[in-house]
C-alpha atoms as a PDB file:
ATOM      1  CA  UNK A   1       0.000   0.000   0.000  1.00  0.00           C
ATOM      2  CA  UNK A   2       1.056   3.560  -0.507  1.00  0.00           C
ATOM      3  CA  UNK A   3      -0.015   4.816   2.883  1.00  0.00           C
ATOM      4  CA  UNK A   4      -1.171   8.396   3.444  1.00  0.00           C
ATOM      5  CA  UNK A   5       1.837  10.631   3.743  1.00  0.00           C
ATOM      6  CA  UNK A   6       3.859   8.721   1.161  1.00  0.00           C
ATOM      7  CA  UNK A   7       4.046   9.158  -2.580  1.00  0.00           C
ATOM      8  CA  UNK A   8       4.745   6.369  -5.056  1.00  0.00           C
ATOM      9  CA  UNK A   9       7.679   7.009  -7.360  1.00  0.00           C
ATOM     10  CA  UNK A  10       8.668   5.170 -10.505  1.00  0.00           C
ATOM     11  CA  UNK A  11      12.466   4.934 -10.890  1.00  0.00           C
ATOM     12  CA  UNK A  12      13.943   6.626 -13.916  1.00  0.00           C
ATOM     13  CA  UNK A  13      11.355   9.386 -14.308  1.00  0.00           C
ATOM     14  CA  UNK A  14      11.503  13.082 -13.538  1.00  0.00           C
ATOM     15  CA  UNK A  15       9.497  14.073 -10.472  1.00  0.00           C
ATOM     16  CA  UNK A  16       8.365  17.306  -8.933  1.00  0.00           C
ATOM     17  CA  UNK A  17       8.797  18.159  -5.281  1.00  0.00           C
ATOM     18  CA  UNK A  18      11.685  18.952  -3.005  1.00  0.00           C
ATOM     19  CA  UNK A  19      14.849  16.857  -3.067  1.00  0.00           C
ATOM     20  CA  UNK A  20      13.983  15.480   0.370  1.00  0.00           C
ATOM     21  CA  UNK A  21      10.465  14.534  -0.690  1.00  0.00           C
ATOM     22  CA  UNK A  22      11.734  12.800  -3.825  1.00  0.00           C
ATOM     23  CA  UNK A  23      14.285  10.817  -1.857  1.00  0.00           C
ATOM     24  CA  UNK A  24      11.649   9.756   0.661  1.00  0.00           C
ATOM     25  CA  UNK A  25       9.232   8.752  -2.092  1.00  0.00           C
ATOM     26  CA  UNK A  26      11.894   6.650  -3.805  1.00  0.00           C
ATOM     27  CA  UNK A  27      12.987   5.085  -0.522  1.00  0.00           C
ATOM     28  CA  UNK A  28       9.404   4.337   0.444  1.00  0.00           C
ATOM     29  CA  UNK A  29       8.684   2.517  -2.794  1.00  0.00           C
ATOM     30  CA  UNK A  30      11.948   0.612  -3.036  1.00  0.00           C
ATOM     31  CA  UNK A  31      12.488  -0.294   0.615  1.00  0.00           C
ATOM     32  CA  UNK A  32       8.927  -1.526   0.999  1.00  0.00           C
ATOM     33  CA  UNK A  33       8.866  -3.499  -2.250  1.00  0.00           C
ATOM     34  CA  UNK A  34      12.333  -5.037  -2.120  1.00  0.00           C
ATOM     35  CA  UNK A  35      13.718  -4.722   1.396  1.00  0.00           C
ATOM     36  CA  UNK A  36      16.107  -2.396   3.145  1.00  0.00           C
ATOM     37  CA  UNK A  37      19.365  -4.282   2.758  1.00  0.00           C
ATOM     38  CA  UNK A  38      18.668  -5.136  -0.890  1.00  0.00           C
ATOM     39  CA  UNK A  39      18.375  -1.488  -1.949  1.00  0.00           C
ATOM     40  CA  UNK A  40      21.465   0.705  -1.949  1.00  0.00           C
ATOM     41  CA  UNK A  41      21.644   4.456  -1.674  1.00  0.00           C
ATOM     42  CA  UNK A  42      22.844   4.849  -5.261  1.00  0.00           C
ATOM     43  CA  UNK A  43      19.723   3.173  -6.569  1.00  0.00           C
ATOM     44  CA  UNK A  44      17.531   5.444  -4.481  1.00  0.00           C
ATOM     45  CA  UNK A  45      19.484   8.465  -5.659  1.00  0.00           C
ATOM     46  CA  UNK A  46      18.963   7.478  -9.294  1.00  0.00           C
ATOM     47  CA  UNK A  47      15.266   6.814  -8.768  1.00  0.00           C
ATOM     48  CA  UNK A  48      14.823  10.220  -7.159  1.00  0.00           C
ATOM     49  CA  UNK A  49      17.035  11.867  -9.814  1.00  0.00           C
ATOM     50  CA  UNK A  50      19.054  13.904  -7.337  1.00  0.00           C
ATOM     51  CA  UNK A  51      22.720  14.677  -6.734  1.00  0.00           C
ATOM     52  CA  UNK A  52      24.980  12.048  -5.137  1.00  0.00           C
ATOM     53  CA  UNK A  53      25.419  14.052  -1.965  1.00  0.00           C
ATOM     54  CA  UNK A  54      21.691  14.594  -1.397  1.00  0.00           C
ATOM     55  CA  UNK A  55      21.000  11.588   0.823  1.00  0.00           C
ATOM     56  CA  UNK A  56      23.789  12.566   3.204  1.00  0.00           C
ATOM     57  CA  UNK A  57      22.839  16.243   3.158  1.00  0.00           C
ATOM     58  CA  UNK A  58      19.205  15.528   4.073  1.00  0.00           C
ATOM     59  CA  UNK A  59      19.401  12.323   6.139  1.00  0.00           C
ATOM     60  CA  UNK A  60      23.015  11.951   7.233  1.00  0.00           C
ATOM     61  CA  UNK A  61      23.269   8.302   6.177  1.00  0.00           C
ATOM     62  CA  UNK A  62      21.293   5.416   4.770  1.00  0.00           C
ATOM     63  CA  UNK A  63      20.310   4.581   8.354  1.00  0.00           C
ATOM     64  CA  UNK A  64      18.785   8.033   8.682  1.00  0.00           C
ATOM     65  CA  UNK A  65      16.892   7.583   5.421  1.00  0.00           C
ATOM     66  CA  UNK A  66      15.540   4.217   6.558  1.00  0.00           C
ATOM     67  CA  UNK A  67      14.355   5.792   9.808  1.00  0.00           C
ATOM     68  CA  UNK A  68      12.642   8.589   7.876  1.00  0.00           C
ATOM     69  CA  UNK A  69      10.978   6.037   5.578  1.00  0.00           C
ATOM     70  CA  UNK A  70       9.510   4.182   8.559  1.00  0.00           C
ATOM     71  CA  UNK A  71       8.490   7.429  10.251  1.00  0.00           C
ATOM     72  CA  UNK A  72       6.547   8.310   7.098  1.00  0.00           C
ATOM     73  CA  UNK A  73       4.882   4.894   7.083  1.00  0.00           C
ATOM     74  CA  UNK A  74       3.942   5.317  10.732  1.00  0.00           C
ATOM     75  CA  UNK A  75       2.494   8.778  10.197  1.00  0.00           C
ATOM     76  CA  UNK A  76       0.537   7.583   7.177  1.00  0.00           C
ATOM     77  CA  UNK A  77      -0.988   4.615   8.983  1.00  0.00           C
ATOM     78  CA  UNK A  78      -1.857   6.670  12.045  1.00  0.00           C
ATOM     79  CA  UNK A  79      -3.605   9.203   9.827  1.00  0.00           C
ATOM     80  CA  UNK A  80      -5.508   6.559   7.870  1.00  0.00           C
ATOM     81  CA  UNK A  81      -6.576   4.524  10.884  1.00  0.00           C
ATOM     82  CA  UNK A  82      -7.300   7.598  12.977  1.00  0.00           C
ATOM     83  CA  UNK A  83      -9.636   8.987  10.330  1.00  0.00           C
ATOM     84  CA  UNK A  84     -11.486   5.668  10.063  1.00  0.00           C
ATOM     85  CA  UNK A  85     -11.859   5.403  13.834  1.00  0.00           C
ATOM     86  CA  UNK A  86     -13.065   8.987  14.162  1.00  0.00           C
ATOM     87  CA  UNK A  87     -15.774   8.372  11.563  1.00  0.00           C
ATOM     88  CA  UNK A  88     -16.983   5.140  13.176  1.00  0.00           C
ATOM     89  CA  UNK A  89     -19.249   4.212  16.072  1.00  0.00           C
ATOM     90  CA  UNK A  90     -17.274   5.069  19.246  1.00  0.00           C
ATOM     91  CA  UNK A  91     -18.290   1.868  21.030  1.00  0.00           C
ATOM     92  CA  UNK A  92     -15.150  -0.187  21.848  1.00  0.00           C
ATOM     93  CA  UNK A  93     -16.291  -3.285  19.937  1.00  0.00           C
ATOM     94  CA  UNK A  94     -17.047  -1.193  16.851  1.00  0.00           C
ATOM     95  CA  UNK A  95     -13.699   0.569  17.114  1.00  0.00           C
ATOM     96  CA  UNK A  96     -11.923  -2.774  17.294  1.00  0.00           C
ATOM     97  CA  UNK A  97     -13.771  -3.918  14.178  1.00  0.00           C
ATOM     98  CA  UNK A  98     -12.565  -0.805  12.344  1.00  0.00           C
ATOM     99  CA  UNK A  99      -8.933  -1.607  13.132  1.00  0.00           C
ATOM    100  CA  UNK A 100      -9.177  -5.008  11.469  1.00  0.00           C
ATOM    101  CA  UNK A 101     -11.386  -3.718   8.648  1.00  0.00           C
ATOM    102  CA  UNK A 102      -8.694  -1.178   7.763  1.00  0.00           C
ATOM    103  CA  UNK A 103      -6.057  -3.885   7.880  1.00  0.00           C
ATOM    104  CA  UNK A 104      -8.220  -5.989   5.562  1.00  0.00           C
ATOM    105  CA  UNK A 105      -8.589  -3.118   3.096  1.00  0.00           C
ATOM    106  CA  UNK A 106      -4.814  -2.632   3.100  1.00  0.00           C
ATOM    107  CA  UNK A 107      -4.198  -6.354   2.530  1.00  0.00           C
ATOM    108  CA  UNK A 108      -6.153  -6.241  -0.746  1.00  0.00           C
ATOM    109  CA  UNK A 109      -4.095  -3.412  -2.221  1.00  0.00           C
ATOM    110  CA  UNK A 110      -1.831  -4.618  -5.043  1.00  0.00           C
ATOM    111  CA  UNK A 111       1.438  -3.409  -3.548  1.00  0.00           C
ATOM    112  CA  UNK A 112       0.889  -4.934  -0.087  1.00  0.00           C
ATOM    113  CA  UNK A 113       4.133  -6.565   1.051  1.00  0.00           C
ATOM    114  CA  UNK A 114       3.490  -7.142   4.712  1.00  0.00           C
ATOM    115  CA  UNK A 115       4.076  -4.910   7.706  1.00  0.00           C
ATOM    116  CA  UNK A 116       6.949  -2.498   7.007  1.00  0.00           C
ATOM    117  CA  UNK A 117       7.860  -2.465  10.703  1.00  0.00           C
ATOM    118  CA  UNK A 118       7.983  -6.239  11.088  1.00  0.00           C
ATOM    119  CA  UNK A 119       9.951  -6.437   7.837  1.00  0.00           C
ATOM    120  CA  UNK A 120      12.409  -3.801   9.016  1.00  0.00           C
ATOM    121  CA  UNK A 121      12.845  -5.442  12.411  1.00  0.00           C
ATOM    122  CA  UNK A 122      13.747  -8.719  10.704  1.00  0.00           C
ATOM    123  CA  UNK A 123      16.430  -6.963   8.661  1.00  0.00           C
ATOM    124  CA  UNK A 124      17.729  -4.673  11.407  1.00  0.00           C
ATOM    125  CA  UNK A 125      18.164  -6.668  14.626  1.00  0.00           C
ATOM    126  CA  UNK A 126      20.086  -3.950  16.482  1.00  0.00           C
ATOM    127  CA  UNK A 127      17.522  -2.255  18.774  1.00  0.00           C
ATOM    128  CA  UNK A 128      19.661   0.886  18.783  1.00  0.00           C
ATOM    129  CA  UNK A 129      19.420   1.332  14.999  1.00  0.00           C
ATOM    130  CA  UNK A 130      17.539   4.584  14.251  1.00  0.00           C
ATOM    131  CA  UNK A 131      14.952   2.691  12.196  1.00  0.00           C
ATOM    132  CA  UNK A 132      14.488   0.092  14.944  1.00  0.00           C
ATOM    133  CA  UNK A 133      13.740   2.931  17.343  1.00  0.00           C
ATOM    134  CA  UNK A 134      11.051   4.258  14.979  1.00  0.00           C
ATOM    135  CA  UNK A 135       9.600   0.747  14.593  1.00  0.00           C
ATOM    136  CA  UNK A 136       9.480   0.319  18.367  1.00  0.00           C
ATOM    137  CA  UNK A 137       7.701   3.652  18.735  1.00  0.00           C
ATOM    138  CA  UNK A 138       5.135   2.622  16.130  1.00  0.00           C
ATOM    139  CA  UNK A 139       4.511  -0.698  17.838  1.00  0.00           C
ATOM    140  CA  UNK A 140       4.081   1.116  21.160  1.00  0.00           C
ATOM    141  CA  UNK A 141       1.457   3.317  19.511  1.00  0.00           C
ATOM    142  CA  UNK A 142      -0.433   0.253  18.223  1.00  0.00           C
ATOM    143  CA  UNK A 143      -0.302  -1.320  21.679  1.00  0.00           C
ATOM    144  CA  UNK A 144      -1.548   1.908  23.231  1.00  0.00           C
ATOM    145  CA  UNK A 145      -4.436   2.145  20.772  1.00  0.00           C
ATOM    146  CA  UNK A 146      -5.594  -1.418  21.378  1.00  0.00           C
ATOM    147  CA  UNK A 147      -5.091  -1.176  25.141  1.00  0.00           C
ATOM    148  CA  UNK A 148      -7.218   1.966  25.195  1.00  0.00           C
ATOM    149  CA  UNK A 149     -10.020   0.046  23.465  1.00  0.00           C
ATOM    150  CA  UNK A 150      -9.634  -2.652  26.119  1.00  0.00           C
ATOM    151  CA  UNK A 151      -9.848  -0.053  28.905  1.00  0.00           C
ATOM    152  CA  UNK A 152     -12.982   1.509  27.441  1.00  0.00           C
ATOM    153  CA  UNK A 153     -14.541  -1.932  27.048  1.00  0.00           C
ATOM    154  CA  UNK A 154     -14.104  -2.507  30.783  1.00  0.00           C
ATOM    155  CA  UNK A 155     -11.616  -5.353  30.448  1.00  0.00           C
ATOM    156  CA  UNK A 156     -10.601  -6.808  33.784  1.00  0.00           C
ATOM    157  CA  UNK A 157      -6.940  -6.756  32.718  1.00  0.00           C
ATOM    158  CA  UNK A 158      -6.704  -4.228  29.870  1.00  0.00           C
ATOM    159  CA  UNK A 159      -2.904  -4.391  29.604  1.00  0.00           C
ATOM    160  CA  UNK A 160      -3.037  -8.114  28.972  1.00  0.00           C
ATOM    161  CA  UNK A 161      -5.937  -7.809  26.531  1.00  0.00           C
ATOM    162  CA  UNK A 162      -4.041  -5.084  24.670  1.00  0.00           C
ATOM    163  CA  UNK A 163      -1.062  -7.388  24.246  1.00  0.00           C
ATOM    164  CA  UNK A 164      -3.324 -10.217  23.072  1.00  0.00           C
ATOM    165  CA  UNK A 165      -4.973  -7.957  20.500  1.00  0.00           C
ATOM    166  CA  UNK A 166      -1.546  -6.922  19.229  1.00  0.00           C
ATOM    167  CA  UNK A 167      -0.757 -10.595  18.678  1.00  0.00           C
ATOM    168  CA  UNK A 168      -3.847 -10.899  16.467  1.00  0.00           C
ATOM    169  CA  UNK A 169      -2.998  -7.623  14.712  1.00  0.00           C
ATOM    170  CA  UNK A 170       0.542  -8.793  13.933  1.00  0.00           C
ATOM    171  CA  UNK A 171      -0.514 -12.315  12.995  1.00  0.00           C
ATOM    172  CA  UNK A 172      -3.049 -11.017  10.485  1.00  0.00           C
ATOM    173  CA  UNK A 173      -0.342  -9.041   8.668  1.00  0.00           C
ATOM    174  CA  UNK A 174       2.023 -12.000   8.566  1.00  0.00           C
ATOM    175  CA  UNK A 175      -0.733 -14.336   7.369  1.00  0.00           C
ATOM    176  CA  UNK A 176      -1.879 -11.888   4.699  1.00  0.00           C
ATOM    177  CA  UNK A 177       1.706 -11.460   3.508  1.00  0.00           C
ATOM    178  CA  UNK A 178       1.859 -15.236   3.097  1.00  0.00           C
ATOM    179  CA  UNK A 179      -1.323 -15.395   1.055  1.00  0.00           C
ATOM    180  CA  UNK A 180      -3.970 -15.668   3.754  1.00  0.00           C
ATOM    181  CA  UNK A 181      -6.943 -14.064   2.033  1.00  0.00           C
ATOM    182  CA  UNK A 182      -9.130 -14.252   5.151  1.00  0.00           C
ATOM    183  CA  UNK A 183      -6.464 -13.115   7.594  1.00  0.00           C
ATOM    184  CA  UNK A 184      -8.088  -9.831   8.592  1.00  0.00           C
ATOM    185  CA  UNK A 185     -11.584 -11.312   8.861  1.00  0.00           C
ATOM    186  CA  UNK A 186     -10.335 -14.226  10.952  1.00  0.00           C
ATOM    187  CA  UNK A 187      -8.353 -11.933  13.252  1.00  0.00           C
ATOM    188  CA  UNK A 188     -11.340  -9.592  13.561  1.00  0.00           C
ATOM    189  CA  UNK A 189     -13.602 -12.458  14.618  1.00  0.00           C
ATOM    190  CA  UNK A 190     -11.043 -13.737  17.130  1.00  0.00           C
ATOM    191  CA  UNK A 191     -10.542 -10.235  18.548  1.00  0.00           C
ATOM    192  CA  UNK A 192     -14.287  -9.727  18.966  1.00  0.00           C
ATOM    193  CA  UNK A 193     -14.617 -13.056  20.748  1.00  0.00           C
ATOM    194  CA  UNK A 194     -11.716 -12.227  23.035  1.00  0.00           C
ATOM    195  CA  UNK A 195     -13.131  -8.784  23.841  1.00  0.00           C
ATOM    196  CA  UNK A 196     -16.521 -10.258  24.751  1.00  0.00           C
ATOM    197  CA  UNK A 197     -14.904 -12.913  26.922  1.00  0.00           C
ATOM    198  CA  UNK A 198     -12.789 -10.586  29.045  1.00  0.00           C
ATOM    199  CA  UNK A 199     -14.779  -7.356  29.092  1.00  0.00           C
ATOM    200  CA  UNK A 200     -16.974  -6.456  32.036  1.00  0.00           C
ATOM    201  CA  UNK A 201     -20.703  -7.030  31.480  1.00  0.00           C
ATOM    202  CA  UNK A 202     -22.595  -4.015  30.172  1.00  0.00           C
END
């Protein structure tokens, strides 16, 4: 998916926008489609059609560019999911459904290649890597969102329920990446069952 806040870029073409924006667009497309370690800075530079020094001037290093790529993905997903949640029924169960419905919509998009944060974590095992820090912050946001739903649902142990919902959230992305066409629907059903089982009676 090209998440909100990112812009698809086709290598080899001229593109409008600032040098920084063009580099981020190229990095977003190439890193997400092919992986971080497989794509070098020279290829990104050529795709963005910028000077050789531009990546280092704007991001300091490839590591800095990778971190900026993931920060853009995080901002885009927060914007997309936040808008969907704001437009939906505020009841906790309905809000939880929206989370998995948005995941399901993303999974059907032709450029879906799994979770960019899980993918990055697999490639960058050092927790001190700038991109790993961004990924950890994104995952903390997801946990906070799902834990808040658990709190509002009256869960007896909302912290535990939040962690369990994250497991379903993550598993749906992995399953969808591996061809599971019903991954979001299955995770949504399991999440709803779990919420009903542990939430306080209305």
